[in-house]
Every structure is written in structure tokens, then in C-alpha cells.
Amino acid sequence: VRLYLASAAQRVPVTMRAPLLKVLLARVEDANDPNLPL
């Protein structure tokens, strides 16, 4: 689901995107995932 949320984030207007990104970038458990960091 976080992968789909990351994809969705790319379609959120740039000026409104930061709050969502702050949450996603804080998910330390995704550090070794092959797709999510990218």
C-alpha cells in the first residue's frame, strides 16, 4: 500500500506534496526495500 501511496504522491500538486513525503521518508523500515526508496 505504501508503494501505491508513493505513486500517488507523484500526482499530488508539488506545493501540497511535502506533508505526505515527510511521513513516507520517515518510514525507516522501508530502507532496504528494492522499490520504495526510489
PDB file of all heavy atoms in Angstrom:
ATOM      1  N   VAL A   1       0.837  -1.199   0.000  1.00  0.00           N
ATOM      2  CA  VAL A   1       0.000   0.000   0.000  1.00  0.00           C
ATOM      3  C   VAL A   1       0.873   1.252   0.000  1.00  0.00           C
ATOM      4  O   VAL A   1       0.562   2.240  -0.676  1.00  0.00           O
ATOM      5  CB  VAL A   1      -0.953  -0.008   1.212  1.00  0.00           C
ATOM      6  CG1 VAL A   1      -1.830   1.246   1.191  1.00  0.00           C
ATOM      7  CG2 VAL A   1      -1.843  -1.248   1.196  1.00  0.00           C
ATOM      8  N   ARG A   2       1.983   1.214   0.723  1.00  0.00           N
ATOM      9  CA  ARG A   2       2.881   2.372   0.720  1.00  0.00           C
ATOM     10  C   ARG A   2       3.472   2.606  -0.674  1.00  0.00           C
ATOM     11  O   ARG A   2       3.737   3.741  -1.063  1.00  0.00           O
ATOM     12  CB  ARG A   2       3.992   2.191   1.759  1.00  0.00           C
ATOM     13  CG  ARG A   2       3.467   2.196   3.192  1.00  0.00           C
ATOM     14  CD  ARG A   2       4.557   2.537   4.192  1.00  0.00           C
ATOM     15  NE  ARG A   2       5.607   1.541   4.266  1.00  0.00           N
ATOM     16  CZ  ARG A   2       5.559   0.441   4.999  1.00  0.00           C
ATOM     17  NH1 ARG A   2       4.469   0.166   5.719  1.00  0.00           N
ATOM     18  NH2 ARG A   2       6.573  -0.414   5.030  1.00  0.00           N
ATOM     19  N   LEU A   3       3.661   1.536  -1.425  1.00  0.00           N
ATOM     20  CA  LEU A   3       4.128   1.683  -2.806  1.00  0.00           C
ATOM     21  C   LEU A   3       3.099   2.444  -3.641  1.00  0.00           C
ATOM     22  O   LEU A   3       3.450   3.334  -4.425  1.00  0.00           O
ATOM     23  CB  LEU A   3       4.394   0.302  -3.409  1.00  0.00           C
ATOM     24  CG  LEU A   3       4.923   0.270  -4.849  1.00  0.00           C
ATOM     25  CD1 LEU A   3       6.310   0.902  -4.921  1.00  0.00           C
ATOM     26  CD2 LEU A   3       4.974  -1.169  -5.371  1.00  0.00           C
ATOM     27  N   TYR A   4       1.836   2.119  -3.466  1.00  0.00           N
ATOM     28  CA  TYR A   4       0.786   2.824  -4.190  1.00  0.00           C
ATOM     29  C   TYR A   4       0.659   4.265  -3.707  1.00  0.00           C
ATOM     30  O   TYR A   4       0.384   5.166  -4.499  1.00  0.00           O
ATOM     31  CB  TYR A   4      -0.549   2.086  -4.023  1.00  0.00           C
ATOM     32  CG  TYR A   4      -0.725   0.937  -4.983  1.00  0.00           C
ATOM     33  CD1 TYR A   4      -0.007  -0.254  -4.834  1.00  0.00           C
ATOM     34  CD2 TYR A   4      -1.614   1.026  -6.052  1.00  0.00           C
ATOM     35  CE1 TYR A   4      -0.167  -1.308  -5.716  1.00  0.00           C
ATOM     36  CE2 TYR A   4      -1.788  -0.028  -6.940  1.00  0.00           C
ATOM     37  CZ  TYR A   4      -1.059  -1.194  -6.769  1.00  0.00           C
ATOM     38  OH  TYR A   4      -1.218  -2.228  -7.642  1.00  0.00           O
ATOM     39  N   LEU A   5       0.883   4.486  -2.419  1.00  0.00           N
ATOM     40  CA  LEU A   5       0.851   5.850  -1.892  1.00  0.00           C
ATOM     41  C   LEU A   5       2.009   6.673  -2.453  1.00  0.00           C
ATOM     42  O   LEU A   5       1.856   7.864  -2.749  1.00  0.00           O
ATOM     43  CB  LEU A   5       0.914   5.822  -0.363  1.00  0.00           C
ATOM     44  CG  LEU A   5      -0.369   5.360   0.335  1.00  0.00           C
ATOM     45  CD1 LEU A   5      -0.098   5.082   1.816  1.00  0.00           C
ATOM     46  CD2 LEU A   5      -1.482   6.392   0.190  1.00  0.00           C
ATOM     47  N   ALA A   6       3.167   6.035  -2.600  1.00  0.00           N
ATOM     48  CA  ALA A   6       4.319   6.731  -3.187  1.00  0.00           C
ATOM     49  C   ALA A   6       4.039   7.101  -4.632  1.00  0.00           C
ATOM     50  O   ALA A   6       4.416   8.182  -5.100  1.00  0.00           O
ATOM     51  CB  ALA A   6       5.564   5.851  -3.094  1.00  0.00           C
ATOM     52  N   SER A   7       3.382   6.214  -5.346  1.00  0.00           N
ATOM     53  CA  SER A   7       2.998   6.519  -6.726  1.00  0.00           C
ATOM     54  C   SER A   7       1.981   7.655  -6.751  1.00  0.00           C
ATOM     55  O   SER A   7       2.063   8.560  -7.584  1.00  0.00           O
ATOM     56  CB  SER A   7       2.427   5.270  -7.394  1.00  0.00           C
ATOM     57  OG  SER A   7       1.997   5.535  -8.710  1.00  0.00           O
ATOM     58  N   ALA A   8       1.033   7.603  -5.824  1.00  0.00           N
ATOM     59  CA  ALA A   8       0.024   8.663  -5.739  1.00  0.00           C
ATOM     60  C   ALA A   8       0.670  10.008  -5.433  1.00  0.00           C
ATOM     61  O   ALA A   8       0.236  11.051  -5.947  1.00  0.00           O
ATOM     62  CB  ALA A   8      -1.007   8.314  -4.670  1.00  0.00           C
ATOM     63  N   ALA A   9       1.720  10.002  -4.618  1.00  0.00           N
ATOM     64  CA  ALA A   9       2.384  11.249  -4.233  1.00  0.00           C
ATOM     65  C   ALA A   9       2.915  11.996  -5.447  1.00  0.00           C
ATOM     66  O   ALA A   9       2.975  13.230  -5.456  1.00  0.00           O
ATOM     67  CB  ALA A   9       3.527  10.957  -3.256  1.00  0.00           C
ATOM     68  N   GLN A  10       3.284  11.262  -6.484  1.00  0.00           N
ATOM     69  CA  GLN A  10       3.818  11.909  -7.677  1.00  0.00           C
ATOM     70  C   GLN A  10       2.745  12.682  -8.447  1.00  0.00           C
ATOM     71  O   GLN A  10       3.071  13.512  -9.298  1.00  0.00           O
ATOM     72  CB  GLN A  10       4.460  10.858  -8.588  1.00  0.00           C
ATOM     73  CG  GLN A  10       5.647  10.156  -7.955  1.00  0.00           C
ATOM     74  CD  GLN A  10       6.226   9.077  -8.848  1.00  0.00           C
ATOM     75  OE1 GLN A  10       6.508   9.308 -10.009  1.00  0.00           O
ATOM     76  NE2 GLN A  10       6.413   7.889  -8.302  1.00  0.00           N
ATOM     77  N   ARG A  11       1.481  12.410  -8.128  1.00  0.00           N
ATOM     78  CA  ARG A  11       0.389  13.119  -8.802  1.00  0.00           C
ATOM     79  C   ARG A  11      -0.258  14.185  -7.917  1.00  0.00           C
ATOM     80  O   ARG A  11      -1.179  14.873  -8.352  1.00  0.00           O
ATOM     81  CB  ARG A  11      -0.651  12.100  -9.284  1.00  0.00           C
ATOM     82  CG  ARG A  11      -0.164  11.320 -10.489  1.00  0.00           C
ATOM     83  CD  ARG A  11      -1.250  10.399 -11.025  1.00  0.00           C
ATOM     84  NE  ARG A  11      -1.242   9.131 -10.318  1.00  0.00           N
ATOM     85  CZ  ARG A  11      -2.136   8.164 -10.532  1.00  0.00           C
ATOM     86  NH1 ARG A  11      -3.110   8.343 -11.389  1.00  0.00           N
ATOM     87  NH2 ARG A  11      -2.059   7.030  -9.869  1.00  0.00           N
ATOM     88  N   VAL A  12       0.203  14.273  -6.690  1.00  0.00           N
ATOM     89  CA  VAL A  12      -0.243  15.364  -5.822  1.00  0.00           C
ATOM     90  C   VAL A  12       0.475  16.637  -6.265  1.00  0.00           C
ATOM     91  O   VAL A  12       1.673  16.602  -6.578  1.00  0.00           O
ATOM     92  CB  VAL A  12       0.093  15.044  -4.349  1.00  0.00           C
ATOM     93  CG1 VAL A  12      -0.188  16.246  -3.446  1.00  0.00           C
ATOM     94  CG2 VAL A  12      -0.702  13.827  -3.870  1.00  0.00           C
ATOM     95  N   PRO A  13      -0.214  17.790  -6.338  1.00  0.00           N
ATOM     96  CA  PRO A  13       0.473  19.037  -6.710  1.00  0.00           C
ATOM     97  C   PRO A  13       1.733  19.253  -5.868  1.00  0.00           C
ATOM     98  O   PRO A  13       1.735  18.990  -4.670  1.00  0.00           O
ATOM     99  CB  PRO A  13      -0.588  20.104  -6.430  1.00  0.00           C
ATOM    100  CG  PRO A  13      -1.888  19.380  -6.611  1.00  0.00           C
ATOM    101  CD  PRO A  13      -1.652  17.985  -6.113  1.00  0.00           C
ATOM    102  N   VAL A  14       2.789  19.717  -6.505  1.00  0.00           N
ATOM    103  CA  VAL A  14       4.083  19.853  -5.835  1.00  0.00           C
ATOM    104  C   VAL A  14       3.970  20.699  -4.572  1.00  0.00           C
ATOM    105  O   VAL A  14       4.593  20.400  -3.551  1.00  0.00           O
ATOM    106  CB  VAL A  14       5.122  20.449  -6.805  1.00  0.00           C
ATOM    107  CG1 VAL A  14       6.415  20.796  -6.072  1.00  0.00           C
ATOM    108  CG2 VAL A  14       5.403  19.468  -7.936  1.00  0.00           C
ATOM    109  N   THR A  15       3.165  21.746  -4.620  1.00  0.00           N
ATOM    110  CA  THR A  15       3.044  22.646  -3.475  1.00  0.00           C
ATOM    111  C   THR A  15       2.327  22.016  -2.281  1.00  0.00           C
ATOM    112  O   THR A  15       2.387  22.546  -1.177  1.00  0.00           O
ATOM    113  CB  THR A  15       2.280  23.919  -3.879  1.00  0.00           C
ATOM    114  OG1 THR A  15       1.005  23.552  -4.436  1.00  0.00           O
ATOM    115  CG2 THR A  15       3.077  24.706  -4.915  1.00  0.00           C
ATOM    116  N   MET A  16       1.661  20.874  -2.519  1.00  0.00           N
ATOM    117  CA  MET A  16       0.910  20.204  -1.447  1.00  0.00           C
ATOM    118  C   MET A  16       1.535  18.866  -1.055  1.00  0.00           C
ATOM    119  O   MET A  16       0.992  18.153  -0.218  1.00  0.00           O
ATOM    120  CB  MET A  16      -0.535  19.980  -1.902  1.00  0.00           C
ATOM    121  CG  MET A  16      -1.285  21.246  -2.239  1.00  0.00           C
ATOM    122  SD  MET A  16      -2.834  20.910  -3.140  1.00  0.00           S
ATOM    123  CE  MET A  16      -3.694  19.847  -1.994  1.00  0.00           C
ATOM    124  N   ARG A  17       2.659  18.536  -1.639  1.00  0.00           N
ATOM    125  CA  ARG A  17       3.214  17.185  -1.533  1.00  0.00           C
ATOM    126  C   ARG A  17       4.050  16.940  -0.278  1.00  0.00           C
ATOM    127  O   ARG A  17       4.169  15.801   0.186  1.00  0.00           O
ATOM    128  CB  ARG A  17       4.053  16.927  -2.784  1.00  0.00           C
ATOM    129  CG  ARG A  17       4.336  15.476  -3.067  1.00  0.00           C
ATOM    130  CD  ARG A  17       5.145  15.331  -4.362  1.00  0.00           C
ATOM    131  NE  ARG A  17       4.406  15.785  -5.544  1.00  0.00           N
ATOM    132  CZ  ARG A  17       4.895  15.734  -6.772  1.00  0.00           C
ATOM    133  NH1 ARG A  17       6.129  15.297  -6.967  1.00  0.00           N
ATOM    134  NH2 ARG A  17       4.176  16.147  -7.795  1.00  0.00           N
ATOM    135  N   ALA A  18       4.669  17.976   0.282  1.00  0.00           N
ATOM    136  CA  ALA A  18       5.656  17.802   1.351  1.00  0.00           C
ATOM    137  C   ALA A  18       5.128  17.067   2.582  1.00  0.00           C
ATOM    138  O   ALA A  18       5.826  16.194   3.123  1.00  0.00           O
ATOM    139  CB  ALA A  18       6.246  19.156   1.746  1.00  0.00           C
ATOM    140  N   PRO A  19       3.919  17.377   3.111  1.00  0.00           N
ATOM    141  CA  PRO A  19       3.457  16.666   4.308  1.00  0.00           C
ATOM    142  C   PRO A  19       3.396  15.150   4.119  1.00  0.00           C
ATOM    143  O   PRO A  19       3.788  14.388   5.013  1.00  0.00           O
ATOM    144  CB  PRO A  19       2.063  17.254   4.553  1.00  0.00           C
ATOM    145  CG  PRO A  19       2.129  18.622   3.949  1.00  0.00           C
ATOM    146  CD  PRO A  19       2.987  18.457   2.726  1.00  0.00           C
ATOM    147  N   LEU A  20       2.917  14.724   2.956  1.00  0.00           N
ATOM    148  CA  LEU A  20       2.865  13.288   2.665  1.00  0.00           C
ATOM    149  C   LEU A  20       4.269  12.710   2.569  1.00  0.00           C
ATOM    150  O   LEU A  20       4.553  11.626   3.100  1.00  0.00           O
ATOM    151  CB  LEU A  20       2.102  13.056   1.353  1.00  0.00           C
ATOM    152  CG  LEU A  20       2.070  11.627   0.801  1.00  0.00           C
ATOM    153  CD1 LEU A  20       1.487  10.656   1.817  1.00  0.00           C
ATOM    154  CD2 LEU A  20       1.276  11.578  -0.509  1.00  0.00           C
ATOM    155  N   LEU A  21       5.171  13.420   1.924  1.00  0.00           N
ATOM    156  CA  LEU A  21       6.538  12.929   1.772  1.00  0.00           C
ATOM    157  C   LEU A  21       7.262  12.825   3.109  1.00  0.00           C
ATOM    158  O   LEU A  21       8.031  11.885   3.333  1.00  0.00           O
ATOM    159  CB  LEU A  21       7.316  13.844   0.829  1.00  0.00           C
ATOM    160  CG  LEU A  21       6.945  13.732  -0.655  1.00  0.00           C
ATOM    161  CD1 LEU A  21       7.615  14.830  -1.450  1.00  0.00           C
ATOM    162  CD2 LEU A  21       7.320  12.357  -1.203  1.00  0.00           C
ATOM    163  N   LYS A  22       7.023  13.769   4.000  1.00  0.00           N
ATOM    164  CA  LYS A  22       7.669  13.711   5.320  1.00  0.00           C
ATOM    165  C   LYS A  22       7.316  12.416   6.038  1.00  0.00           C
ATOM    166  O   LYS A  22       8.162  11.796   6.695  1.00  0.00           O
ATOM    167  CB  LYS A  22       7.253  14.913   6.165  1.00  0.00           C
ATOM    168  CG  LYS A  22       7.830  16.234   5.699  1.00  0.00           C
ATOM    169  CD  LYS A  22       7.282  17.390   6.529  1.00  0.00           C
ATOM    170  CE  LYS A  22       7.742  18.726   5.985  1.00  0.00           C
ATOM    171  NZ  LYS A  22       7.150  19.863   6.724  1.00  0.00           N
ATOM    172  N   VAL A  23       6.058  12.012   5.902  1.00  0.00           N
ATOM    173  CA  VAL A  23       5.619  10.763   6.537  1.00  0.00           C
ATOM    174  C   VAL A  23       6.277   9.557   5.869  1.00  0.00           C
ATOM    175  O   VAL A  23       6.796   8.655   6.541  1.00  0.00           O
ATOM    176  CB  VAL A  23       4.083  10.643   6.475  1.00  0.00           C
ATOM    177  CG1 VAL A  23       3.633   9.263   6.948  1.00  0.00           C
ATOM    178  CG2 VAL A  23       3.437  11.726   7.331  1.00  0.00           C
ATOM    179  N   LEU A  24       6.285   9.523   4.551  1.00  0.00           N
ATOM    180  CA  LEU A  24       6.858   8.388   3.833  1.00  0.00           C
ATOM    181  C   LEU A  24       8.362   8.282   4.041  1.00  0.00           C
ATOM    182  O   LEU A  24       8.903   7.183   4.242  1.00  0.00           O
ATOM    183  CB  LEU A  24       6.538   8.495   2.338  1.00  0.00           C
ATOM    184  CG  LEU A  24       5.065   8.349   1.954  1.00  0.00           C
ATOM    185  CD1 LEU A  24       4.863   8.639   0.469  1.00  0.00           C
ATOM    186  CD2 LEU A  24       4.538   6.955   2.293  1.00  0.00           C
ATOM    187  N   LEU A  25       9.061   9.411   3.997  1.00  0.00           N
ATOM    188  CA  LEU A  25      10.518   9.399   4.162  1.00  0.00           C
ATOM    189  C   LEU A  25      10.937   9.002   5.568  1.00  0.00           C
ATOM    190  O   LEU A  25      12.083   8.595   5.782  1.00  0.00           O
ATOM    191  CB  LEU A  25      11.095  10.772   3.820  1.00  0.00           C
ATOM    192  CG  LEU A  25      10.947  11.241   2.364  1.00  0.00           C
ATOM    193  CD1 LEU A  25      11.506  12.640   2.196  1.00  0.00           C
ATOM    194  CD2 LEU A  25      11.610  10.287   1.405  1.00  0.00           C
ATOM    195  N   ALA A  26      10.023   9.101   6.512  1.00  0.00           N
ATOM    196  CA  ALA A  26      10.332   8.722   7.887  1.00  0.00           C
ATOM    197  C   ALA A  26      10.149   7.229   8.150  1.00  0.00           C
ATOM    198  O   ALA A  26      10.470   6.761   9.246  1.00  0.00           O
ATOM    199  CB  ALA A  26       9.457   9.530   8.851  1.00  0.00           C
ATOM    200  N   ARG A  27       9.666   6.491   7.137  1.00  0.00           N
ATOM    201  CA  ARG A  27       9.434   5.052   7.324  1.00  0.00           C
ATOM    202  C   ARG A  27      10.759   4.312   7.177  1.00  0.00           C
ATOM    203  O   ARG A  27      11.110   3.799   6.123  1.00  0.00           O
ATOM    204  CB  ARG A  27       8.403   4.548   6.312  1.00  0.00           C
ATOM    205  CG  ARG A  27       7.038   5.199   6.368  1.00  0.00           C
ATOM    206  CD  ARG A  27       6.314   4.996   7.685  1.00  0.00           C
ATOM    207  NE  ARG A  27       6.020   3.621   7.957  1.00  0.00           N
ATOM    208  CZ  ARG A  27       4.767   3.104   7.972  1.00  0.00           C
ATOM    209  NH1 ARG A  27       3.725   3.873   7.742  1.00  0.00           N
ATOM    210  NH2 ARG A  27       4.583   1.838   8.248  1.00  0.00           N
ATOM    211  N   VAL A  28      11.509   4.257   8.270  1.00  0.00           N
ATOM    212  CA  VAL A  28      12.847   3.665   8.245  1.00  0.00           C
ATOM    213  C   VAL A  28      12.814   2.193   7.858  1.00  0.00           C
ATOM    214  O   VAL A  28      13.781   1.648   7.319  1.00  0.00           O
ATOM    215  CB  VAL A  28      13.541   3.853   9.617  1.00  0.00           C
ATOM    216  CG1 VAL A  28      12.823   3.055  10.704  1.00  0.00           C
ATOM    217  CG2 VAL A  28      15.017   3.489   9.542  1.00  0.00           C
ATOM    218  N   GLU A  29      11.693   1.531   8.093  1.00  0.00           N
ATOM    219  CA  GLU A  29      11.586   0.110   7.759  1.00  0.00           C
ATOM    220  C   GLU A  29      11.623  -0.138   6.249  1.00  0.00           C
ATOM    221  O   GLU A  29      11.789  -1.273   5.803  1.00  0.00           O
ATOM    222  CB  GLU A  29      10.307  -0.499   8.351  1.00  0.00           C
ATOM    223  CG  GLU A  29       9.004   0.035   7.798  1.00  0.00           C
ATOM    224  CD  GLU A  29       8.454   1.217   8.593  1.00  0.00           C
ATOM    225  OE1 GLU A  29       9.265   2.076   8.998  1.00  0.00           O
ATOM    226  OE2 GLU A  29       7.224   1.272   8.778  1.00  0.00           O
ATOM    227  N   ASP A  30      11.475   0.928   5.464  1.00  0.00           N
ATOM    228  CA  ASP A  30      11.500   0.791   4.006  1.00  0.00           C
ATOM    229  C   ASP A  30      12.896   0.967   3.405  1.00  0.00           C
ATOM    230  O   ASP A  30      13.062   0.912   2.186  1.00  0.00           O
ATOM    231  CB  ASP A  30      10.554   1.802   3.358  1.00  0.00           C
ATOM    232  CG  ASP A  30       9.096   1.536   3.710  1.00  0.00           C
ATOM    233  OD1 ASP A  30       8.758   0.378   4.001  1.00  0.00           O
ATOM    234  OD2 ASP A  30       8.303   2.495   3.685  1.00  0.00           O
ATOM    235  N   ALA A  31      13.893   1.159   4.255  1.00  0.00           N
ATOM    236  CA  ALA A  31      15.233   1.490   3.767  1.00  0.00           C
ATOM    237  C   ALA A  31      15.806   0.425   2.837  1.00  0.00           C
ATOM    238  O   ALA A  31      16.496   0.743   1.862  1.00  0.00           O
ATOM    239  CB  ALA A  31      16.185   1.713   4.940  1.00  0.00           C
ATOM    240  N   ASN A  32      15.519  -0.838   3.113  1.00  0.00           N
ATOM    241  CA  ASN A  32      16.097  -1.919   2.310  1.00  0.00           C
ATOM    242  C   ASN A  32      15.119  -2.497   1.288  1.00  0.00           C
ATOM    243  O   ASN A  32      15.426  -3.496   0.643  1.00  0.00           O
ATOM    244  CB  ASN A  32      16.592  -3.038   3.230  1.00  0.00           C
ATOM    245  CG  ASN A  32      17.735  -2.585   4.109  1.00  0.00           C
ATOM    246  OD1 ASN A  32      18.633  -1.866   3.669  1.00  0.00           O
ATOM    247  ND2 ASN A  32      17.725  -2.998   5.374  1.00  0.00           N
ATOM    248  N   ASP A  33      13.980  -1.873   1.161  1.00  0.00           N
ATOM    249  CA  ASP A  33      13.025  -2.323   0.154  1.00  0.00           C
ATOM    250  C   ASP A  33      13.594  -2.014  -1.239  1.00  0.00           C
ATOM    251  O   ASP A  33      14.199  -0.958  -1.449  1.00  0.00           O
ATOM    252  CB  ASP A  33      11.690  -1.599   0.341  1.00  0.00           C
ATOM    253  CG  ASP A  33      10.601  -2.156  -0.554  1.00  0.00           C
ATOM    254  OD1 ASP A  33      10.516  -1.727  -1.729  1.00  0.00           O
ATOM    255  OD2 ASP A  33       9.834  -3.008  -0.094  1.00  0.00           O
ATOM    256  N   PRO A  34      13.423  -2.915  -2.217  1.00  0.00           N
ATOM    257  CA  PRO A  34      14.016  -2.687  -3.550  1.00  0.00           C
ATOM    258  C   PRO A  34      13.336  -1.570  -4.344  1.00  0.00           C
ATOM    259  O   PRO A  34      13.910  -1.063  -5.313  1.00  0.00           O
ATOM    260  CB  PRO A  34      13.834  -4.038  -4.247  1.00  0.00           C
ATOM    261  CG  PRO A  34      12.688  -4.681  -3.549  1.00  0.00           C
ATOM    262  CD  PRO A  34      12.781  -4.237  -2.126  1.00  0.00           C
ATOM    263  N   ASN A  35      12.130  -1.178  -3.954  1.00  0.00           N
ATOM    264  CA  ASN A  35      11.381  -0.204  -4.745  1.00  0.00           C
ATOM    265  C   ASN A  35      11.034   1.091  -4.011  1.00  0.00           C
ATOM    266  O   ASN A  35      11.071   2.170  -4.605  1.00  0.00           O
ATOM    267  CB  ASN A  35      10.069  -0.836  -5.244  1.00  0.00           C
ATOM    268  CG  ASN A  35      10.296  -2.052  -6.110  1.00  0.00           C
ATOM    269  OD1 ASN A  35      11.050  -1.997  -7.070  1.00  0.00           O
ATOM    270  ND2 ASN A  35       9.661  -3.156  -5.778  1.00  0.00           N
ATOM    271  N   LEU A  36      10.663   0.985  -2.753  1.00  0.00           N
ATOM    272  CA  LEU A  36      10.081   2.129  -2.064  1.00  0.00           C
ATOM    273  C   LEU A  36      10.995   3.352  -1.977  1.00  0.00           C
ATOM    274  O   LEU A  36      10.540   4.476  -2.253  1.00  0.00           O
ATOM    275  CB  LEU A  36       9.599   1.703  -0.672  1.00  0.00           C
ATOM    276  CG  LEU A  36       8.320   0.870  -0.684  1.00  0.00           C
ATOM    277  CD1 LEU A  36       8.023   0.308   0.700  1.00  0.00           C
ATOM    278  CD2 LEU A  36       7.139   1.696  -1.168  1.00  0.00           C
ATOM    279  N   PRO A  37      12.281   3.207  -1.600  1.00  0.00           N
ATOM    280  CA  PRO A  37      13.117   4.418  -1.543  1.00  0.00           C
ATOM    281  C   PRO A  37      13.169   5.181  -2.869  1.00  0.00           C
ATOM    282  O   PRO A  37      13.109   6.414  -2.882  1.00  0.00           O
ATOM    283  CB  PRO A  37      14.494   3.863  -1.150  1.00  0.00           C
ATOM    284  CG  PRO A  37      14.195   2.624  -0.384  1.00  0.00           C
ATOM    285  CD  PRO A  37      13.016   2.024  -1.092  1.00  0.00           C
ATOM    286  N   LEU A  38      13.254   4.451  -3.962  1.00  0.00           N
ATOM    287  CA  LEU A  38      13.291   5.115  -5.267  1.00  0.00           C
ATOM    288  C   LEU A  38      11.957   5.782  -5.596  1.00  0.00           C
ATOM    289  O   LEU A  38      11.922   6.890  -6.149  1.00  0.00           O
ATOM    290  CB  LEU A  38      13.669   4.120  -6.357  1.00  0.00           C
ATOM    291  CG  LEU A  38      15.118   3.619  -6.322  1.00  0.00           C
ATOM    292  CD1 LEU A  38      15.341   2.560  -7.387  1.00  0.00           C
ATOM    293  CD2 LEU A  38      16.102   4.766  -6.507  1.00  0.00           C
TER     294      LEU A  38
END
